[in-house]
Amino acid sequence: MAFPAASLSVLGAPGTCGALAADHALICRYVREAGAIASGYFHRRVKGWDKKPDDPVSEADLAVDSFLKRELTGARPGYGWLAEESGEGAAGAGAPRVFVVDPIDGTRSFLRGRPEYAVAAALVADGVPVAGAVFNPETDEFFEAIAGGGARLNGRTIAVARKPSIEGARLLVSWREFNHLCEGGAFVGCEMERIGSIAYKIALVAAGRADAVVALAPKSDWDLAAAQLILEEAGGRITDARGKPLAYRGEGHASVVAADPALHAQLLARLSRA
């Protein structure tokens, strides 16, 4: 992965552009290493179980979570921590700067051998994602962005596809919501494809490889923080299904709609009528 020169800067006091660039480089480094750990588990028999009914976790989730927590908070001990498997760190989700991490987004797909999971990590400052990465190690797609610095896939700048009409739009949805969204009638004339990881789906839209993501089931901060930044830096828009902006305060999100701004508005209109 070749990072832009600016992302390797280590100049500046905390809160400056140089410090943010250093934080971004740190995230990118350890997300890539975490992806290698996850992939090692993916290619052998993995132990998985339910944390609670219909909420799977695997030994790979725990291993990746442990690695990222150790490396990221070890390098930035004053930052907060919020992750799916290990919860809040000592500084908590209310710290001014918080690492928000999903060690394996798309655990169901991971356990079923589908190469559509991702490692996702973001730095959130005062409720806003400012640096982040989403990595699918099975497809070798490394998406990353820094606030004000654009978004990249494997080092190349990306942008959302401009889709002036909802007709023929390619929507990425979850395996579990596919039938419900098809039957609802809101997306007649669209193509729908099922992919497991919400972070990976949003990153694919950021790269122009699909037109939109629609998810009506609740999501957590760690599902979305890194992906939101990547999408917005690629020129996209993301809100909940009522058009409410996403804020990262540890409270979660009711739903997600992500797309090019023009298509985003059409999707919200369809949902409001449905």
Protein backbone atom coordinates (compact mmCIF):
# COMPACT_ATOMS: atom_id res chain seq x y z
CA MET A 1 0.00 0.00 0.00
CA ALA A 2 1.52 3.31 -1.05
CA PHE A 3 0.23 6.13 1.10
CA PRO A 4 0.24 9.75 -0.11
CA ALA A 5 3.23 11.63 1.20
CA ALA A 6 1.03 13.80 3.43
CA SER A 7 -0.27 10.77 5.30
CA LEU A 8 3.23 9.90 6.46
CA SER A 9 3.92 13.23 8.11
CA VAL A 10 4.62 13.08 11.83
CA LEU A 11 5.04 16.82 12.33
CA GLY A 12 2.84 18.93 14.53
CA ALA A 13 1.33 18.89 17.97
CA PRO A 14 -1.82 16.90 18.81
CA GLY A 15 -4.79 18.27 16.87
CA THR A 16 -2.73 19.55 13.94
CA CYS A 17 -2.85 18.21 10.39
CA GLY A 18 0.51 16.51 10.92
CA ALA A 19 -0.73 14.67 13.99
CA LEU A 20 -3.90 13.55 12.21
CA ALA A 21 -1.83 12.29 9.29
CA ALA A 22 0.29 10.29 11.70
CA ASP A 23 -2.85 8.82 13.30
CA HIS A 24 -4.15 7.90 9.86
CA ALA A 25 -0.90 6.18 8.92
CA LEU A 26 -1.06 4.27 12.22
CA ILE A 27 -4.60 3.06 11.50
CA CYS A 28 -3.68 2.01 7.97
CA ARG A 29 -0.66 0.07 9.16
CA TYR A 30 -2.48 -1.92 11.81
CA VAL A 31 -5.67 -2.50 9.83
CA ARG A 32 -3.57 -4.09 7.10
CA GLU A 33 -1.77 -6.29 9.67
CA ALA A 34 -5.12 -7.16 11.27
CA GLY A 35 -6.42 -8.19 7.88
CA ALA A 36 -3.61 -10.70 7.56
CA ILE A 37 -4.57 -12.16 10.95
CA ALA A 38 -8.24 -12.41 9.93
CA SER A 39 -7.36 -14.03 6.62
CA GLY A 40 -5.27 -16.65 8.40
CA TYR A 41 -8.35 -17.74 10.35
CA PHE A 42 -10.59 -17.50 7.26
CA HIS A 43 -8.57 -20.16 5.47
CA ARG A 44 -8.93 -22.79 8.19
CA ARG A 45 -11.68 -24.15 10.42
CA VAL A 46 -12.78 -21.40 12.79
CA LYS A 47 -14.62 -21.67 16.09
CA GLY A 48 -17.75 -19.54 16.19
CA TRP A 49 -20.64 -19.12 18.63
CA ASP A 50 -23.48 -16.71 19.47
CA LYS A 51 -22.77 -13.96 21.99
CA LYS A 52 -26.54 -13.71 22.25
CA PRO A 53 -29.27 -15.11 20.00
CA ASP A 54 -28.53 -14.39 16.34
CA ASP A 55 -25.37 -12.40 17.14
CA PRO A 56 -22.35 -14.46 16.05
CA VAL A 57 -18.73 -14.05 17.01
CA SER A 58 -15.64 -16.11 16.24
CA GLU A 59 -12.19 -16.69 17.62
CA ALA A 60 -10.96 -14.57 14.71
CA ASP A 61 -13.03 -11.57 15.85
CA LEU A 62 -11.46 -11.80 19.29
CA ALA A 63 -7.92 -12.21 17.99
CA VAL A 64 -8.19 -9.24 15.65
CA ASP A 65 -9.86 -7.10 18.30
CA SER A 66 -7.12 -7.90 20.80
CA PHE A 67 -4.40 -7.08 18.27
CA LEU A 68 -5.88 -3.75 17.24
CA LYS A 69 -6.62 -2.67 20.79
CA ARG A 70 -3.09 -3.47 21.92
CA GLU A 71 -1.39 -1.72 19.00
CA LEU A 72 -3.63 1.33 18.59
CA THR A 73 -4.17 2.20 22.25
CA GLY A 74 -0.56 1.30 22.97
CA ALA A 75 0.56 3.91 20.44
CA ARG A 76 -2.07 6.47 21.56
CA PRO A 77 -2.77 5.79 25.26
CA GLY A 78 -4.75 9.01 25.67
CA TYR A 79 -7.34 8.07 23.04
CA GLY A 80 -10.63 6.35 23.79
CA TRP A 81 -11.59 2.93 22.51
CA LEU A 82 -14.93 1.60 21.26
CA ALA A 83 -15.12 -1.80 19.57
CA GLU A 84 -17.68 -4.48 18.92
CA GLU A 85 -15.96 -7.23 20.90
CA SER A 86 -14.11 -5.40 23.67
CA GLY A 87 -16.55 -2.54 24.23
CA GLU A 88 -15.25 0.71 25.68
CA GLY A 89 -11.68 1.18 26.81
CA ALA A 90 -10.57 3.03 29.91
CA ALA A 91 -10.96 6.46 28.28
CA GLY A 92 -14.41 5.48 26.99
CA ALA A 93 -16.38 6.47 23.93
CA GLY A 94 -16.77 9.98 25.34
CA ALA A 95 -13.09 10.87 24.99
CA PRO A 96 -12.28 13.72 22.54
CA ARG A 97 -10.56 11.21 20.24
CA VAL A 98 -11.74 7.61 20.04
CA PHE A 99 -10.67 4.61 17.99
CA VAL A 100 -13.89 2.98 16.73
CA VAL A 101 -13.22 -0.56 15.53
CA ASP A 102 -15.04 -3.53 14.04
CA PRO A 103 -12.45 -6.33 14.01
CA ILE A 104 -14.46 -8.37 11.50
CA ASP A 105 -17.46 -6.68 9.97
CA GLY A 106 -19.56 -9.41 8.38
CA THR A 107 -18.93 -12.25 10.82
CA ARG A 108 -21.77 -14.34 9.37
CA SER A 109 -20.20 -14.20 5.92
CA PHE A 110 -16.78 -14.89 7.44
CA LEU A 111 -18.02 -18.03 9.17
CA ARG A 112 -19.75 -19.22 5.99
CA GLY A 113 -16.60 -18.83 3.90
CA ARG A 114 -17.83 -15.85 1.88
CA PRO A 115 -14.99 -13.44 0.99
CA GLU A 116 -17.07 -10.36 1.78
CA TYR A 117 -16.00 -9.38 5.28
CA ALA A 118 -13.78 -6.47 6.29
CA VAL A 119 -11.61 -5.12 9.07
CA ALA A 120 -12.72 -1.54 9.80
CA ALA A 121 -11.15 1.08 12.06
CA ALA A 122 -11.65 4.82 12.38
CA LEU A 123 -10.49 7.69 14.54
CA VAL A 124 -13.49 9.74 15.68
CA ALA A 125 -12.88 13.26 16.98
CA ASP A 126 -15.74 14.93 18.86
CA GLY A 127 -18.27 12.61 17.22
CA VAL A 128 -16.94 12.93 13.65
CA PRO A 129 -14.80 10.33 11.81
CA VAL A 130 -11.53 11.97 10.71
CA ALA A 131 -9.33 9.03 9.66
CA GLY A 132 -10.13 5.45 8.79
CA ALA A 133 -9.59 2.30 6.78
CA VAL A 134 -11.71 -0.64 5.59
CA PHE A 135 -9.82 -3.71 4.39
CA ASN A 136 -11.09 -6.86 2.71
CA PRO A 137 -8.01 -9.10 2.79
CA GLU A 138 -9.57 -11.80 0.61
CA THR A 139 -10.00 -9.41 -2.34
CA ASP A 140 -6.97 -7.27 -1.40
CA GLU A 141 -9.09 -4.11 -1.41
CA PHE A 142 -7.74 -1.52 1.01
CA PHE A 143 -9.94 1.57 1.28
CA GLU A 144 -8.76 4.52 3.36
CA ALA A 145 -9.42 8.22 3.87
CA ILE A 146 -8.43 11.18 5.98
CA ALA A 147 -10.68 14.20 6.55
CA GLY A 148 -10.14 16.73 3.79
CA GLY A 149 -7.68 14.47 1.99
CA GLY A 150 -9.89 12.40 -0.32
CA ALA A 151 -10.40 8.64 -0.34
CA ARG A 152 -8.31 5.91 -1.92
CA LEU A 153 -8.50 2.25 -2.88
CA ASN A 154 -5.07 0.59 -2.93
CA GLY A 155 -3.46 4.02 -3.22
CA ARG A 156 -5.59 5.36 -6.07
CA THR A 157 -8.11 8.16 -5.59
CA ILE A 158 -11.73 7.02 -5.79
CA ALA A 159 -15.07 8.73 -6.31
CA VAL A 160 -18.70 7.67 -6.16
CA ALA A 161 -20.47 6.92 -9.44
CA ARG A 162 -22.77 9.72 -10.60
CA LYS A 163 -26.17 8.16 -11.05
CA PRO A 164 -28.79 10.73 -12.15
CA SER A 165 -31.71 8.28 -12.07
CA ILE A 166 -32.78 5.60 -9.65
CA GLU A 167 -33.80 3.39 -12.58
CA GLY A 168 -31.25 0.63 -13.04
CA ALA A 169 -29.34 1.65 -9.91
CA ARG A 170 -27.28 -1.15 -8.38
CA LEU A 171 -28.06 -1.40 -4.67
CA LEU A 172 -26.03 -3.41 -2.19
CA VAL A 173 -28.05 -4.92 0.64
CA SER A 174 -27.58 -7.50 3.36
CA TRP A 175 -28.37 -11.18 2.96
CA ARG A 176 -30.92 -10.91 5.76
CA GLU A 177 -32.78 -7.88 4.35
CA PHE A 178 -32.76 -8.89 0.69
CA ASN A 179 -36.22 -10.48 0.58
CA HIS A 180 -37.80 -7.73 2.68
CA LEU A 181 -36.41 -4.96 0.47
CA CYS A 182 -37.43 -6.78 -2.71
CA GLU A 183 -40.97 -7.27 -1.45
CA GLY A 184 -41.38 -3.73 -0.14
CA GLY A 185 -41.74 -2.24 -3.61
CA ALA A 186 -39.62 0.83 -2.88
CA PHE A 187 -36.87 -0.23 -5.25
CA VAL A 188 -38.71 -1.45 -8.33
CA GLY A 189 -36.42 -0.96 -11.34
CA CYS A 190 -33.23 -1.30 -9.27
CA GLU A 191 -30.77 -4.18 -9.20
CA MET A 192 -30.07 -5.60 -5.76
CA GLU A 193 -27.01 -7.60 -4.75
CA ARG A 194 -26.39 -9.26 -1.39
CA ILE A 195 -23.10 -8.67 0.44
CA GLY A 196 -22.44 -9.32 4.10
CA SER A 197 -20.31 -6.48 5.51
CA ILE A 198 -21.94 -3.05 5.71
CA ALA A 199 -18.55 -1.33 5.86
CA TYR A 200 -17.37 -3.18 2.75
CA LYS A 201 -20.63 -2.38 0.92
CA ILE A 202 -20.28 1.34 1.63
CA ALA A 203 -16.63 1.31 0.58
CA LEU A 204 -17.60 -0.31 -2.73
CA VAL A 205 -20.06 2.54 -3.33
CA ALA A 206 -17.30 5.03 -2.51
CA ALA A 207 -15.18 3.40 -5.20
CA GLY A 208 -17.94 3.63 -7.81
CA ARG A 209 -18.35 -0.14 -7.99
CA ALA A 210 -22.00 0.05 -6.95
CA ASP A 211 -24.50 2.88 -6.73
CA ALA A 212 -25.94 2.71 -3.22
CA VAL A 213 -26.32 0.87 0.06
CA VAL A 214 -29.65 0.56 1.84
CA ALA A 215 -29.84 -1.03 5.30
CA LEU A 216 -32.99 -0.68 7.39
CA ALA A 217 -31.78 -2.70 10.39
CA PRO A 218 -29.99 -0.82 13.21
CA LYS A 219 -26.22 -0.41 13.01
CA SER A 220 -23.54 0.38 15.57
CA ASP A 221 -20.85 3.05 15.43
CA TRP A 222 -18.15 0.50 14.64
CA ASP A 223 -20.09 -0.71 11.57
CA LEU A 224 -20.09 2.71 9.95
CA ALA A 225 -17.46 5.17 11.19
CA ALA A 226 -14.59 4.30 8.83
CA ALA A 227 -16.91 3.63 5.89
CA GLN A 228 -18.74 6.95 6.30
CA LEU A 229 -15.50 8.91 6.08
CA ILE A 230 -14.38 7.00 3.00
CA LEU A 231 -17.74 7.54 1.28
CA GLU A 232 -17.93 11.25 2.07
CA GLU A 233 -14.35 11.87 1.00
CA ALA A 234 -15.27 10.13 -2.28
CA GLY A 235 -18.14 12.57 -2.81
CA GLY A 236 -21.02 10.51 -1.43
CA ARG A 237 -23.71 11.17 1.13
CA ILE A 238 -24.80 8.96 4.02
CA THR A 239 -27.68 9.38 6.48
CA ASP A 240 -30.32 7.23 8.09
CA ALA A 241 -33.44 6.35 6.11
CA ARG A 242 -35.18 9.54 7.28
CA GLY A 243 -32.31 11.74 6.13
CA LYS A 244 -30.88 12.30 9.61
CA PRO A 245 -27.06 12.73 9.68
CA LEU A 246 -25.03 10.09 11.48
CA ALA A 247 -23.29 11.11 14.71
CA TYR A 248 -20.82 8.96 16.61
CA ARG A 249 -21.63 9.14 20.30
CA GLY A 250 -21.92 5.43 21.06
CA GLU A 251 -25.70 5.43 20.56
CA GLY A 252 -25.93 3.56 17.24
CA HIS A 253 -27.94 4.30 14.11
CA ALA A 254 -31.48 3.28 13.15
CA SER A 255 -30.76 2.64 9.46
CA VAL A 256 -28.39 3.60 6.63
CA VAL A 257 -28.71 5.01 3.12
CA ALA A 258 -25.46 5.75 1.27
CA ALA A 259 -25.07 6.95 -2.33
CA ASP A 260 -24.11 9.77 -4.66
CA PRO A 261 -26.02 12.86 -3.36
CA ALA A 262 -28.54 12.95 -6.24
CA LEU A 263 -29.37 9.26 -5.97
CA HIS A 264 -29.42 9.51 -2.18
CA ALA A 265 -32.26 12.04 -2.39
CA GLN A 266 -34.24 9.75 -4.70
CA LEU A 267 -33.75 6.77 -2.41
CA LEU A 268 -35.02 8.74 0.59
CA ALA A 269 -38.06 9.82 -1.40
CA ARG A 270 -38.83 6.21 -2.37
CA LEU A 271 -38.47 5.09 1.24
CA SER A 272 -40.72 7.84 2.56
CA ARG A 273 -43.47 6.82 0.12
CA ALA A 274 -43.06 3.13 0.94
